Amino acid sequence: MTAAPVPELVLPPNQVEALMQLLSKGMRAIQLYLPNNPVYQRAVENIRTGFRQIWQATDDLALDVGETDLRWEDHVVYQQEQRSESIAWTLFKDGVRSISLKPGVEDVEIVRLLSVLHRARTMQADAPDDLLTLLWGEDFQFINYTFRELSSEGAAAIEKDKSVPPVTPTDVRARVHEEAPPKPAGVVSTEDFDTTLYFLDDKEIEYLQRETEREYAQDLRRNVLSMLFDFWSSRPTARCAPSWSRSSRTSFLICWVPETSVRSPSFCVRRG
């Protein structure tokens, strides 16, 4: 008895893996630069070139989404253990379990998808929207995805076209007022008084405090280092001073980064 032949893949997995690396770099460019920046434009063009090579072999790129990885034809083509930087985790945590890209996505929609993922990654836990809401609003034509309701274990996949009745905050407030019991006579309410135009309630103050703490907690060294490396990579070698060789830049940056920072020197070694 002979084993069943293994179906041949339409393209090597490392080609898809290279495309995923370009998408990861593209998301970082979207985070750091404006669309008119040469680094931003080069990152987008590299992504488009990568997709054109994929479309020469197939007309559908279907990816399965895991907590820390993306799989194509049962091969891991993207993996990032650090959740704050992981495209896979950004998709997985809001219920997306598969995503399919089709020819034409590279023209406009892939940049919109990366922008949506960046917005979802930086949203607060109590934000009114989530990734699925943002994806729904974009109305992609060359991107299909399936997701699971996080509240139901083992639920069947729900397709993108499944309609959900819209409910606005105004409708909710009106319903609450209708169902609320009448106010007893003689009871004073804050609604009976005029408040200052710039009065902040406890929730707003707490939100500002969280945002301030989050802003100051960011490690800005990595963003600055990424911009430096992108700047150097965008300049021809002949225009760079001879003293700024690859090894010189790496040694300088490692000495420049404080010793208490472990991630920044390792990041310099990888990018330098």
C-alpha atoms as a PDB file:
ATOM      1  CA  MET A   1       0.000   0.000   0.000  1.00  0.00           C
ATOM      2  CA  THR A   2       1.505   3.309  -1.116  1.00  0.00           C
ATOM      3  CA  ALA A   3       0.985   6.658   0.545  1.00  0.00           C
ATOM      4  CA  ALA A   4      -1.126   9.260  -1.220  1.00  0.00           C
ATOM      5  CA  PRO A   5       0.984  11.750  -3.197  1.00  0.00           C
ATOM      6  CA  VAL A   6       1.464  15.122  -1.550  1.00  0.00           C
ATOM      7  CA  PRO A   7      -0.070  17.879  -3.697  1.00  0.00           C
ATOM      8  CA  GLU A   8       2.504  20.228  -5.158  1.00  0.00           C
ATOM      9  CA  LEU A   9       2.333  23.831  -4.006  1.00  0.00           C
ATOM     10  CA  VAL A  10       1.766  26.527  -6.629  1.00  0.00           C
ATOM     11  CA  LEU A  11       4.679  28.549  -5.224  1.00  0.00           C
ATOM     12  CA  PRO A  12       7.351  28.110  -2.537  1.00  0.00           C
ATOM     13  CA  PRO A  13       6.295  29.078   1.012  1.00  0.00           C
ATOM     14  CA  ASN A  14       9.370  31.278   1.430  1.00  0.00           C
ATOM     15  CA  GLN A  15       7.996  33.554  -1.308  1.00  0.00           C
ATOM     16  CA  VAL A  16       4.826  34.093   0.726  1.00  0.00           C
ATOM     17  CA  GLU A  17       6.977  34.567   3.828  1.00  0.00           C
ATOM     18  CA  ALA A  18       8.932  37.305   2.031  1.00  0.00           C
ATOM     19  CA  LEU A  19       5.663  39.042   1.192  1.00  0.00           C
ATOM     20  CA  MET A  20       4.599  38.916   4.846  1.00  0.00           C
ATOM     21  CA  GLN A  21       7.873  40.572   5.827  1.00  0.00           C
ATOM     22  CA  LEU A  22       7.175  43.344   3.317  1.00  0.00           C
ATOM     23  CA  LEU A  23       3.704  43.817   4.835  1.00  0.00           C
ATOM     24  CA  SER A  24       5.208  44.044   8.323  1.00  0.00           C
ATOM     25  CA  LYS A  25       7.674  46.703   7.166  1.00  0.00           C
ATOM     26  CA  GLY A  26       4.860  48.498   5.364  1.00  0.00           C
ATOM     27  CA  MET A  27       2.821  48.722   8.548  1.00  0.00           C
ATOM     28  CA  ARG A  28       5.785  50.272  10.343  1.00  0.00           C
ATOM     29  CA  ALA A  29       6.181  52.803   7.512  1.00  0.00           C
ATOM     30  CA  ILE A  30       2.495  53.720   7.774  1.00  0.00           C
ATOM     31  CA  GLN A  31       2.953  54.220  11.507  1.00  0.00           C
ATOM     32  CA  LEU A  32       6.030  56.469  11.201  1.00  0.00           C
ATOM     33  CA  TYR A  33       5.727  58.386   7.923  1.00  0.00           C
ATOM     34  CA  LEU A  34       3.295  60.452   5.869  1.00  0.00           C
ATOM     35  CA  PRO A  35       2.237  59.208   2.395  1.00  0.00           C
ATOM     36  CA  ASN A  36       4.483  61.781   0.654  1.00  0.00           C
ATOM     37  CA  ASN A  37       7.597  60.453   2.408  1.00  0.00           C
ATOM     38  CA  PRO A  38      10.029  58.497   0.158  1.00  0.00           C
ATOM     39  CA  VAL A  39      10.383  55.727   2.774  1.00  0.00           C
ATOM     40  CA  TYR A  40       6.586  55.300   2.895  1.00  0.00           C
ATOM     41  CA  GLN A  41       6.324  55.269  -0.901  1.00  0.00           C
ATOM     42  CA  ARG A  42       9.166  52.760  -1.300  1.00  0.00           C
ATOM     43  CA  ALA A  43       7.582  50.421   1.274  1.00  0.00           C
ATOM     44  CA  VAL A  44       4.249  50.499  -0.578  1.00  0.00           C
ATOM     45  CA  GLU A  45       5.921  49.878  -3.935  1.00  0.00           C
ATOM     46  CA  ASN A  46       7.836  46.909  -2.499  1.00  0.00           C
ATOM     47  CA  ILE A  47       4.544  45.418  -1.293  1.00  0.00           C
ATOM     48  CA  ARG A  48       2.974  45.847  -4.725  1.00  0.00           C
ATOM     49  CA  THR A  49       5.964  44.199  -6.379  1.00  0.00           C
ATOM     50  CA  GLY A  50       5.740  41.284  -3.949  1.00  0.00           C
ATOM     51  CA  PHE A  51       2.052  40.755  -4.722  1.00  0.00           C
ATOM     52  CA  ARG A  52       2.636  40.872  -8.490  1.00  0.00           C
ATOM     53  CA  GLN A  53       5.110  38.009  -8.119  1.00  0.00           C
ATOM     54  CA  ILE A  54       2.525  36.025  -6.137  1.00  0.00           C
ATOM     55  CA  TRP A  55      -0.183  36.577  -8.759  1.00  0.00           C
ATOM     56  CA  GLN A  56       2.020  35.038 -11.415  1.00  0.00           C
ATOM     57  CA  ALA A  57       1.446  31.665  -9.720  1.00  0.00           C
ATOM     58  CA  THR A  58      -1.999  31.949  -8.085  1.00  0.00           C
ATOM     59  CA  ASP A  59      -5.081  34.161  -8.050  1.00  0.00           C
ATOM     60  CA  ASP A  60      -5.936  33.706  -4.369  1.00  0.00           C
ATOM     61  CA  LEU A  61      -3.757  34.031  -1.273  1.00  0.00           C
ATOM     62  CA  ALA A  62      -5.645  32.457   1.642  1.00  0.00           C
ATOM     63  CA  LEU A  63      -4.131  32.758   5.119  1.00  0.00           C
ATOM     64  CA  ASP A  64      -5.204  31.044   8.334  1.00  0.00           C
ATOM     65  CA  VAL A  65      -4.883  33.294  11.389  1.00  0.00           C
ATOM     66  CA  GLY A  66      -3.412  32.038  14.665  1.00  0.00           C
ATOM     67  CA  GLU A  67      -2.524  33.853  17.868  1.00  0.00           C
ATOM     68  CA  THR A  68       1.063  34.514  16.857  1.00  0.00           C
ATOM     69  CA  ASP A  69       1.330  33.267  13.271  1.00  0.00           C
ATOM     70  CA  LEU A  70      -0.218  33.247   9.814  1.00  0.00           C
ATOM     71  CA  ARG A  71      -0.306  29.997   7.826  1.00  0.00           C
ATOM     72  CA  TRP A  72      -0.542  29.385   4.096  1.00  0.00           C
ATOM     73  CA  GLU A  73      -1.202  25.821   2.978  1.00  0.00           C
ATOM     74  CA  ASP A  74      -0.274  24.606   6.509  1.00  0.00           C
ATOM     75  CA  HIS A  75       3.091  26.401   6.319  1.00  0.00           C
ATOM     76  CA  VAL A  76       3.934  29.165   8.802  1.00  0.00           C
ATOM     77  CA  VAL A  77       4.708  32.231   6.670  1.00  0.00           C
ATOM     78  CA  TYR A  78       4.568  34.849   9.421  1.00  0.00           C
ATOM     79  CA  GLN A  79       5.324  34.632  13.134  1.00  0.00           C
ATOM     80  CA  GLN A  80       5.717  37.334  15.763  1.00  0.00           C
ATOM     81  CA  GLU A  81       5.676  36.403  19.442  1.00  0.00           C
ATOM     82  CA  GLN A  82       5.530  40.011  20.656  1.00  0.00           C
ATOM     83  CA  ARG A  83       1.825  40.752  20.554  1.00  0.00           C
ATOM     84  CA  SER A  84       2.143  44.544  20.446  1.00  0.00           C
ATOM     85  CA  GLU A  85       3.894  44.237  17.056  1.00  0.00           C
ATOM     86  CA  SER A  86       2.095  41.178  15.665  1.00  0.00           C
ATOM     87  CA  ILE A  87      -0.234  41.403  12.672  1.00  0.00           C
ATOM     88  CA  ALA A  88      -1.507  37.907  13.517  1.00  0.00           C
ATOM     89  CA  TRP A  89      -2.474  38.847  17.085  1.00  0.00           C
ATOM     90  CA  THR A  90      -4.189  42.064  15.911  1.00  0.00           C
ATOM     91  CA  LEU A  91      -6.428  39.942  13.684  1.00  0.00           C
ATOM     92  CA  PHE A  92      -6.850  37.020  16.087  1.00  0.00           C
ATOM     93  CA  LYS A  93      -7.809  38.949  19.230  1.00  0.00           C
ATOM     94  CA  ASP A  94     -10.904  40.415  17.545  1.00  0.00           C
ATOM     95  CA  GLY A  95     -12.057  37.093  16.126  1.00  0.00           C
ATOM     96  CA  VAL A  96     -10.645  37.018  12.581  1.00  0.00           C
ATOM     97  CA  ARG A  97      -9.687  33.429  11.758  1.00  0.00           C
ATOM     98  CA  SER A  98      -8.882  33.600   8.049  1.00  0.00           C
ATOM     99  CA  ILE A  99      -8.191  36.265   5.448  1.00  0.00           C
ATOM    100  CA  SER A 100      -8.033  35.914   1.686  1.00  0.00           C
ATOM    101  CA  LEU A 101      -6.351  38.373  -0.708  1.00  0.00           C
ATOM    102  CA  LYS A 102      -7.066  38.524  -4.431  1.00  0.00           C
ATOM    103  CA  PRO A 103      -5.411  40.197  -7.435  1.00  0.00           C
ATOM    104  CA  GLY A 104      -6.040  43.934  -7.364  1.00  0.00           C
ATOM    105  CA  VAL A 105      -5.625  44.231  -3.609  1.00  0.00           C
ATOM    106  CA  GLU A 106      -2.135  45.664  -4.120  1.00  0.00           C
ATOM    107  CA  ASP A 107      -3.392  48.789  -5.914  1.00  0.00           C
ATOM    108  CA  VAL A 108      -5.214  50.537  -3.053  1.00  0.00           C
ATOM    109  CA  GLU A 109      -6.825  48.163  -0.573  1.00  0.00           C
ATOM    110  CA  ILE A 110      -3.667  46.678   0.937  1.00  0.00           C
ATOM    111  CA  VAL A 111      -2.615  50.123   2.209  1.00  0.00           C
ATOM    112  CA  ARG A 112      -6.109  50.652   3.627  1.00  0.00           C
ATOM    113  CA  LEU A 113      -5.927  47.230   5.311  1.00  0.00           C
ATOM    114  CA  LEU A 114      -2.585  48.037   6.952  1.00  0.00           C
ATOM    115  CA  SER A 115      -3.975  51.391   8.118  1.00  0.00           C
ATOM    116  CA  VAL A 116      -6.971  49.621   9.662  1.00  0.00           C
ATOM    117  CA  LEU A 117      -4.703  47.125  11.440  1.00  0.00           C
ATOM    118  CA  HIS A 118      -2.584  49.970  12.802  1.00  0.00           C
ATOM    119  CA  ARG A 119      -5.691  51.799  14.084  1.00  0.00           C
ATOM    120  CA  ALA A 120      -7.016  48.610  15.687  1.00  0.00           C
ATOM    121  CA  ARG A 121      -3.638  47.932  17.320  1.00  0.00           C
ATOM    122  CA  THR A 122      -3.585  51.364  19.005  1.00  0.00           C
ATOM    123  CA  MET A 123      -7.252  51.464  20.099  1.00  0.00           C
ATOM    124  CA  GLN A 124      -8.131  51.391  23.780  1.00  0.00           C
ATOM    125  CA  ALA A 125      -9.975  48.390  25.206  1.00  0.00           C
ATOM    126  CA  ASP A 126     -13.093  50.491  25.870  1.00  0.00           C
ATOM    127  CA  ALA A 127     -13.151  52.076  22.389  1.00  0.00           C
ATOM    128  CA  PRO A 128     -16.593  52.048  20.715  1.00  0.00           C
ATOM    129  CA  ASP A 129     -15.202  50.344  17.587  1.00  0.00           C
ATOM    130  CA  ASP A 130     -13.132  47.218  17.087  1.00  0.00           C
ATOM    131  CA  LEU A 131     -11.246  45.659  14.184  1.00  0.00           C
ATOM    132  CA  LEU A 132     -14.338  44.021  12.703  1.00  0.00           C
ATOM    133  CA  THR A 133     -16.195  47.340  12.703  1.00  0.00           C
ATOM    134  CA  LEU A 134     -13.291  49.026  10.935  1.00  0.00           C
ATOM    135  CA  LEU A 135     -13.029  46.232   8.355  1.00  0.00           C
ATOM    136  CA  TRP A 136     -16.766  46.391   7.735  1.00  0.00           C
ATOM    137  CA  GLY A 137     -16.594  50.144   7.158  1.00  0.00           C
ATOM    138  CA  GLU A 138     -13.894  49.820   4.497  1.00  0.00           C
ATOM    139  CA  ASP A 139     -16.099  47.580   2.279  1.00  0.00           C
ATOM    140  CA  PHE A 140     -13.123  45.783   0.709  1.00  0.00           C
ATOM    141  CA  GLN A 141     -13.615  44.282  -2.753  1.00  0.00           C
ATOM    142  CA  PHE A 142     -10.409  42.217  -2.985  1.00  0.00           C
ATOM    143  CA  ILE A 143     -10.190  41.103   0.647  1.00  0.00           C
ATOM    144  CA  ASN A 144     -12.412  38.434   2.209  1.00  0.00           C
ATOM    145  CA  TYR A 145     -12.297  37.329   5.819  1.00  0.00           C
ATOM    146  CA  THR A 146     -14.127  35.079   8.250  1.00  0.00           C
ATOM    147  CA  PHE A 147     -14.410  35.528  11.990  1.00  0.00           C
ATOM    148  CA  ARG A 148     -15.841  33.855  15.075  1.00  0.00           C
ATOM    149  CA  GLU A 149     -18.013  35.355  17.751  1.00  0.00           C
ATOM    150  CA  LEU A 150     -15.709  35.536  20.760  1.00  0.00           C
ATOM    151  CA  SER A 151     -18.600  35.043  23.191  1.00  0.00           C
ATOM    152  CA  SER A 152     -19.494  31.585  21.831  1.00  0.00           C
ATOM    153  CA  GLU A 153     -16.997  28.741  22.070  1.00  0.00           C
ATOM    154  CA  GLY A 154     -16.688  26.685  18.893  1.00  0.00           C
ATOM    155  CA  ALA A 155     -19.096  28.852  16.921  1.00  0.00           C
ATOM    156  CA  ALA A 156     -19.282  28.483  13.165  1.00  0.00           C
ATOM    157  CA  ALA A 157     -17.479  31.025  11.023  1.00  0.00           C
ATOM    158  CA  ILE A 158     -19.550  34.087  10.151  1.00  0.00           C
ATOM    159  CA  GLU A 159     -19.050  35.503   6.709  1.00  0.00           C
ATOM    160  CA  LYS A 160     -18.401  39.150   5.974  1.00  0.00           C
ATOM    161  CA  ASP A 161     -21.762  39.658   4.224  1.00  0.00           C
ATOM    162  CA  LYS A 162     -23.749  38.726   7.337  1.00  0.00           C
ATOM    163  CA  SER A 163     -25.873  41.801   8.156  1.00  0.00           C
ATOM    164  CA  VAL A 164     -26.132  43.204  11.668  1.00  0.00           C
ATOM    165  CA  PRO A 165     -28.904  45.692  12.563  1.00  0.00           C
ATOM    166  CA  PRO A 166     -27.293  49.078  13.305  1.00  0.00           C
ATOM    167  CA  VAL A 167     -27.902  50.625  16.724  1.00  0.00           C
ATOM    168  CA  THR A 168     -26.749  54.184  17.364  1.00  0.00           C
ATOM    169  CA  PRO A 169     -25.846  55.640  20.788  1.00  0.00           C
ATOM    170  CA  THR A 170     -28.798  58.034  20.425  1.00  0.00           C
ATOM    171  CA  ASP A 171     -31.197  55.088  20.111  1.00  0.00           C
ATOM    172  CA  VAL A 172     -29.719  53.459  23.214  1.00  0.00           C
ATOM    173  CA  ARG A 173     -30.008  56.653  25.286  1.00  0.00           C
ATOM    174  CA  ALA A 174     -33.596  57.175  24.125  1.00  0.00           C
ATOM    175  CA  ARG A 175     -34.498  53.597  25.078  1.00  0.00           C
ATOM    176  CA  VAL A 176     -32.940  54.045  28.534  1.00  0.00           C
ATOM    177  CA  HIS A 177     -34.916  57.253  29.142  1.00  0.00           C
ATOM    178  CA  GLU A 178     -38.142  55.519  28.090  1.00  0.00           C
ATOM    179  CA  GLU A 179     -37.599  52.597  30.457  1.00  0.00           C
ATOM    180  CA  ALA A 180     -36.334  54.688  33.385  1.00  0.00           C
ATOM    181  CA  PRO A 181     -38.824  55.193  36.250  1.00  0.00           C
ATOM    182  CA  PRO A 182     -40.182  58.719  36.734  1.00  0.00           C
ATOM    183  CA  LYS A 183     -38.143  61.010  38.965  1.00  0.00           C
ATOM    184  CA  PRO A 184     -39.746  61.515  42.390  1.00  0.00           C
ATOM    185  CA  ALA A 185     -40.929  65.031  43.163  1.00  0.00           C
ATOM    186  CA  GLY A 186     -38.464  67.132  45.121  1.00  0.00           C
ATOM    187  CA  VAL A 187     -35.370  65.198  44.009  1.00  0.00           C
ATOM    188  CA  VAL A 188     -32.626  67.431  42.621  1.00  0.00           C
ATOM    189  CA  SER A 189     -30.739  66.218  39.518  1.00  0.00           C
ATOM    190  CA  THR A 190     -27.516  67.504  37.984  1.00  0.00           C
ATOM    191  CA  GLU A 191     -29.485  68.017  34.783  1.00  0.00           C
ATOM    192  CA  ASP A 192     -31.290  70.874  36.508  1.00  0.00           C
ATOM    193  CA  PHE A 193     -28.081  72.907  36.662  1.00  0.00           C
ATOM    194  CA  ASP A 194     -25.937  74.485  33.966  1.00  0.00           C
ATOM    195  CA  THR A 195     -22.372  73.174  33.920  1.00  0.00           C
ATOM    196  CA  THR A 196     -19.328  74.890  32.552  1.00  0.00           C
ATOM    197  CA  LEU A 197     -18.595  74.386  28.859  1.00  0.00           C
ATOM    198  CA  TYR A 198     -15.335  72.580  29.590  1.00  0.00           C
ATOM    199  CA  PHE A 199     -16.469  70.417  32.499  1.00  0.00           C
ATOM    200  CA  LEU A 200     -14.937  66.913  32.464  1.00  0.00           C
ATOM    201  CA  ASP A 201     -16.633  63.974  34.086  1.00  0.00           C
ATOM    202  CA  ASP A 202     -14.770  61.187  35.880  1.00  0.00           C
ATOM    203  CA  LYS A 203     -14.707  58.943  32.817  1.00  0.00           C
ATOM    204  CA  GLU A 204     -13.156  61.657  30.656  1.00  0.00           C
ATOM    205  CA  ILE A 205     -10.546  62.487  33.285  1.00  0.00           C
ATOM    206  CA  GLU A 206      -9.664  58.801  33.633  1.00  0.00           C
ATOM    207  CA  TYR A 207      -9.355  58.526  29.839  1.00  0.00           C
ATOM    208  CA  LEU A 208      -6.964  61.501  29.690  1.00  0.00           C
ATOM    209  CA  GLN A 209      -4.872  60.027  32.481  1.00  0.00           C
ATOM    210  CA  ARG A 210      -4.638  56.664  30.694  1.00  0.00           C
ATOM    211  CA  GLU A 211      -3.676  58.302  27.412  1.00  0.00           C
ATOM    212  CA  THR A 212      -1.013  60.422  29.112  1.00  0.00           C
ATOM    213  CA  GLU A 213       0.456  57.380  30.860  1.00  0.00           C
ATOM    214  CA  ARG A 214       0.388  55.363  27.622  1.00  0.00           C
ATOM    215  CA  GLU A 215       2.138  58.160  25.735  1.00  0.00           C
ATOM    216  CA  TYR A 216       4.933  58.488  28.277  1.00  0.00           C
ATOM    217  CA  ALA A 217       5.274  54.691  28.592  1.00  0.00           C
ATOM    218  CA  GLN A 218       6.138  54.269  24.908  1.00  0.00           C
ATOM    219  CA  ASP A 219       9.689  53.346  24.015  1.00  0.00           C
ATOM    220  CA  LEU A 220      10.375  56.071  21.464  1.00  0.00           C
ATOM    221  CA  ARG A 221      13.937  54.850  20.890  1.00  0.00           C
ATOM    222  CA  ARG A 222      12.773  52.098  18.551  1.00  0.00           C
ATOM    223  CA  ASN A 223      10.782  54.526  16.384  1.00  0.00           C
ATOM    224  CA  VAL A 224      13.738  56.909  16.213  1.00  0.00           C
ATOM    225  CA  LEU A 225      16.107  54.063  15.338  1.00  0.00           C
ATOM    226  CA  SER A 226      13.749  52.819  12.616  1.00  0.00           C
ATOM    227  CA  MET A 227      13.673  56.283  11.084  1.00  0.00           C
ATOM    228  CA  LEU A 228      17.476  56.477  11.168  1.00  0.00           C
ATOM    229  CA  PHE A 229      17.877  53.099   9.476  1.00  0.00           C
ATOM    230  CA  ASP A 230      15.242  53.946   6.872  1.00  0.00           C
ATOM    231  CA  PHE A 231      17.031  57.233   6.198  1.00  0.00           C
ATOM    232  CA  TRP A 232      20.383  55.478   5.729  1.00  0.00           C
ATOM    233  CA  SER A 233      18.904  52.778   3.523  1.00  0.00           C
ATOM    234  CA  SER A 234      17.293  55.404   1.260  1.00  0.00           C
ATOM    235  CA  ARG A 235      20.680  57.068   0.558  1.00  0.00           C
ATOM    236  CA  PRO A 236      23.069  55.607  -2.056  1.00  0.00           C
ATOM    237  CA  THR A 237      26.286  54.231  -0.583  1.00  0.00           C
ATOM    238  CA  ALA A 238      28.420  56.641  -2.581  1.00  0.00           C
ATOM    239  CA  ARG A 239      26.790  59.619  -0.910  1.00  0.00           C
ATOM    240  CA  CYS A 240      27.465  58.354   2.609  1.00  0.00           C
ATOM    241  CA  ALA A 241      30.681  59.245   4.392  1.00  0.00           C
ATOM    242  CA  PRO A 242      33.205  56.356   4.289  1.00  0.00           C
ATOM    243  CA  SER A 243      33.381  56.363   8.064  1.00  0.00           C
ATOM    244  CA  TRP A 244      29.694  55.478   8.271  1.00  0.00           C
ATOM    245  CA  SER A 245      30.056  51.883   7.214  1.00  0.00           C
ATOM    246  CA  ARG A 246      27.614  49.213   8.346  1.00  0.00           C
ATOM    247  CA  SER A 247      29.791  48.141  11.266  1.00  0.00           C
ATOM    248  CA  SER A 248      30.519  51.754  12.267  1.00  0.00           C
ATOM    249  CA  ARG A 249      26.840  52.640  12.369  1.00  0.00           C
ATOM    250  CA  THR A 250      25.995  49.569  14.433  1.00  0.00           C
ATOM    251  CA  SER A 251      28.808  50.223  16.932  1.00  0.00           C
ATOM    252  CA  PHE A 252      27.809  53.855  17.251  1.00  0.00           C
ATOM    253  CA  LEU A 253      24.145  53.074  17.858  1.00  0.00           C
ATOM    254  CA  ILE A 254      24.838  50.360  20.427  1.00  0.00           C
ATOM    255  CA  CYS A 255      27.009  52.821  22.357  1.00  0.00           C
ATOM    256  CA  TRP A 256      24.374  55.532  21.948  1.00  0.00           C
ATOM    257  CA  VAL A 257      21.497  53.458  23.341  1.00  0.00           C
ATOM    258  CA  PRO A 258      21.458  53.352  27.177  1.00  0.00           C
ATOM    259  CA  GLU A 259      22.791  50.161  28.733  1.00  0.00           C
ATOM    260  CA  THR A 260      19.524  49.688  30.620  1.00  0.00           C
ATOM    261  CA  SER A 261      17.692  49.118  27.316  1.00  0.00           C
ATOM    262  CA  VAL A 262      18.063  45.519  26.168  1.00  0.00           C
ATOM    263  CA  ARG A 263      15.681  45.540  23.202  1.00  0.00           C
ATOM    264  CA  SER A 264      17.135  48.609  21.481  1.00  0.00           C
ATOM    265  CA  PRO A 265      20.711  47.233  21.078  1.00  0.00           C
ATOM    266  CA  SER A 266      19.375  43.914  19.781  1.00  0.00           C
ATOM    267  CA  PHE A 267      17.151  45.843  17.388  1.00  0.00           C
ATOM    268  CA  CYS A 268      20.225  47.805  16.190  1.00  0.00           C
ATOM    269  CA  VAL A 269      22.120  44.590  15.517  1.00  0.00           C
ATOM    270  CA  ARG A 270      19.255  43.156  13.465  1.00  0.00           C
ATOM    271  CA  ARG A 271      18.635  46.300  11.417  1.00  0.00           C
ATOM    272  CA  GLY A 272      22.228  47.570  11.283  1.00  0.00           C
END
